[in-house]
Amino acid sequence: MTPDLIERETTIAAPVERVWSLITESEHVGRWFGDAGAEIDLRPGGAMLMRWTEYGEVRARVETVEPPHRFAYRWAARNAAPGDELADGNSTRVEFTLSPEGDRTRLRVIESGFAALAVDDEARAKHHEGNIEGWASELGELAEYAQKVAV
């Protein structure tokens, strides 16, 4: 049985307000997370679109915006059709929690909803494993990006 969630935590050498900008503003998300751009309507219910050169586009919907400490969105899984409403069964939920640690930020990411995906066990496990690897890579890229860019 595939676990339902992925939890990752890291410390980033930047203040909370800066990390908040890096995870919520299109110009930044489209550089450290997606490598081909992003669009974010930063309000609950707002649309998101993240792009990768290798993987194409993934759409998402903003769920929670509590600056500068909590941001969550639901993003389409591989079984979501272009016009489908994002819900349990065709998407997972990603939540970022930011807390200050001196002049650094502790960033916690939880992605949940894998167990509810309406796909077979093999596809569910593949999606979960791919995202485990993805978050390890992406959070490393975020930490590096935070050192290179001024907000």
Protein backbone atom coordinates (compact mmCIF):
# COMPACT_ATOMS: atom_id res chain seq x y z
CA MET A 1 0.00 0.00 0.00
CA THR A 2 1.30 3.44 -0.95
CA PRO A 3 1.78 5.90 1.93
CA ASP A 4 -0.60 8.87 1.80
CA LEU A 5 1.93 11.64 2.29
CA ILE A 6 5.43 12.96 1.90
CA GLU A 7 6.98 15.15 4.60
CA ARG A 8 10.16 17.15 4.12
CA GLU A 9 11.79 19.79 6.26
CA THR A 10 14.77 21.99 5.53
CA THR A 11 16.41 25.16 6.79
CA ILE A 12 17.02 27.93 4.28
CA ALA A 13 19.58 30.69 4.83
CA ALA A 14 17.11 33.53 4.30
CA PRO A 15 14.44 35.27 6.41
CA VAL A 16 10.82 34.06 6.35
CA GLU A 17 9.58 36.99 4.25
CA ARG A 18 12.13 36.24 1.55
CA VAL A 19 11.35 32.52 1.46
CA TRP A 20 7.64 33.39 1.32
CA SER A 21 8.29 35.41 -1.84
CA LEU A 22 10.30 32.57 -3.37
CA ILE A 23 7.51 30.01 -2.91
CA THR A 24 4.54 32.24 -3.83
CA GLU A 25 5.66 34.55 -6.64
CA SER A 26 5.52 33.34 -10.24
CA GLU A 27 8.85 34.83 -11.24
CA HIS A 28 10.61 32.77 -8.57
CA VAL A 29 8.58 29.54 -8.64
CA GLY A 30 9.16 29.39 -12.39
CA ARG A 31 12.91 29.32 -11.81
CA TRP A 32 13.61 27.06 -8.83
CA PHE A 33 10.60 24.73 -9.07
CA GLY A 34 9.48 24.76 -12.68
CA ASP A 35 12.27 25.44 -15.12
CA ALA A 36 10.03 26.93 -17.82
CA GLY A 37 7.95 29.45 -15.87
CA ALA A 38 4.92 29.62 -13.62
CA GLU A 39 1.73 31.60 -13.15
CA ILE A 40 0.16 32.10 -9.72
CA ASP A 41 -3.04 33.91 -8.79
CA LEU A 42 -2.15 34.21 -5.10
CA ARG A 43 -5.55 33.96 -3.44
CA PRO A 44 -7.63 31.03 -2.22
CA GLY A 45 -9.23 29.51 -5.33
CA GLY A 46 -6.67 31.18 -7.59
CA ALA A 47 -5.23 29.26 -10.53
CA MET A 48 -1.62 28.15 -10.75
CA LEU A 49 0.29 26.79 -13.69
CA MET A 50 3.81 25.40 -13.40
CA ARG A 51 5.93 24.51 -16.42
CA TRP A 52 8.89 22.21 -16.98
CA THR A 53 10.82 21.80 -20.20
CA GLU A 54 10.91 18.02 -19.79
CA TYR A 55 7.49 17.40 -18.20
CA GLY A 56 5.20 20.05 -19.68
CA GLU A 57 2.59 21.94 -17.68
CA VAL A 58 0.89 21.07 -14.41
CA ARG A 59 -2.09 23.05 -13.24
CA ALA A 60 -2.95 23.73 -9.63
CA ARG A 61 -5.41 25.65 -7.45
CA VAL A 62 -4.37 27.78 -4.48
CA GLU A 63 -6.07 26.68 -1.26
CA THR A 64 -4.42 28.59 1.61
CA VAL A 65 -2.60 31.93 1.71
CA GLU A 66 -1.50 33.06 5.18
CA PRO A 67 1.53 35.36 4.64
CA PRO A 68 4.28 34.74 5.49
CA HIS A 69 3.77 31.43 7.28
CA ARG A 70 1.43 29.08 5.38
CA PHE A 71 0.77 28.43 1.70
CA ALA A 72 -1.06 25.45 0.20
CA TYR A 73 -2.24 24.34 -3.19
CA ARG A 74 -3.78 21.30 -4.84
CA TRP A 75 -2.02 20.17 -8.00
CA ALA A 76 -3.08 17.82 -10.74
CA ALA A 77 -1.87 14.25 -10.73
CA ARG A 78 -1.11 12.43 -13.98
CA ASN A 79 -4.67 11.08 -14.18
CA ALA A 80 -6.32 14.54 -14.17
CA ALA A 81 -7.86 15.53 -17.51
CA PRO A 82 -7.36 19.16 -18.64
CA GLY A 83 -10.89 20.32 -17.72
CA ASP A 84 -11.34 18.30 -14.53
CA GLU A 85 -11.92 20.08 -11.23
CA LEU A 86 -8.99 19.31 -8.93
CA ALA A 87 -10.19 17.11 -6.07
CA ASP A 88 -9.38 13.91 -4.20
CA GLY A 89 -8.76 11.23 -6.79
CA ASN A 90 -6.98 13.39 -9.38
CA SER A 91 -4.71 15.67 -7.35
CA THR A 92 -2.59 15.93 -4.24
CA ARG A 93 -2.31 18.77 -1.75
CA VAL A 94 0.97 20.55 -1.04
CA GLU A 95 1.35 22.67 2.09
CA PHE A 96 4.34 24.84 2.98
CA THR A 97 4.82 26.01 6.57
CA LEU A 98 7.49 28.63 7.27
CA SER A 99 8.90 29.50 10.68
CA PRO A 100 11.80 31.77 11.62
CA GLU A 101 14.99 30.41 13.14
CA GLY A 102 17.08 33.51 13.75
CA ASP A 103 17.90 34.92 10.32
CA ARG A 104 17.05 31.58 8.66
CA THR A 105 13.75 29.87 7.80
CA ARG A 106 12.60 26.39 8.67
CA LEU A 107 10.48 25.23 5.74
CA ARG A 108 8.21 22.22 6.12
CA VAL A 109 6.50 20.70 3.10
CA ILE A 110 3.74 18.11 3.31
CA GLU A 111 2.22 16.61 0.18
CA SER A 112 -0.82 14.46 0.89
CA GLY A 113 -3.58 12.62 -0.92
CA PHE A 114 -1.68 9.83 -2.65
CA ALA A 115 -3.87 7.09 -1.16
CA ALA A 116 -7.00 8.69 -2.68
CA LEU A 117 -5.66 8.90 -6.24
CA ALA A 118 -8.02 7.09 -8.60
CA VAL A 119 -5.35 5.00 -10.29
CA ASP A 120 -4.07 1.48 -9.83
CA ASP A 121 -1.61 0.65 -7.04
CA GLU A 122 1.38 0.62 -9.38
CA ALA A 123 0.62 4.10 -10.77
CA ARG A 124 -0.07 5.44 -7.26
CA ALA A 125 3.25 4.08 -5.97
CA LYS A 126 5.12 5.47 -8.99
CA HIS A 127 3.59 8.93 -8.45
CA HIS A 128 4.49 8.85 -4.74
CA GLU A 129 8.07 7.68 -5.36
CA GLY A 130 8.58 10.26 -8.12
CA ASN A 131 7.45 13.05 -5.83
CA ILE A 132 9.69 11.85 -3.00
CA GLU A 133 12.66 12.25 -5.34
CA GLY A 134 11.24 15.48 -6.72
CA TRP A 135 10.88 17.20 -3.34
CA ALA A 136 14.41 16.24 -2.32
CA SER A 137 15.72 17.82 -5.51
CA GLU A 138 13.42 20.86 -5.54
CA LEU A 139 14.07 21.86 -1.93
CA GLY A 140 17.79 21.73 -2.62
CA GLU A 141 17.24 23.96 -5.64
CA LEU A 142 15.18 26.37 -3.52
CA ALA A 143 17.98 26.65 -0.92
CA GLU A 144 20.51 27.37 -3.69
CA TYR A 145 18.18 29.82 -5.43
CA ALA A 146 17.61 31.71 -2.14
CA GLN A 147 21.34 32.43 -2.03
CA LYS A 148 21.51 33.74 -5.60
CA VAL A 149 18.46 35.99 -5.92
CA ALA A 150 17.52 39.23 -4.23
CA VAL A 151 13.86 39.71 -3.39
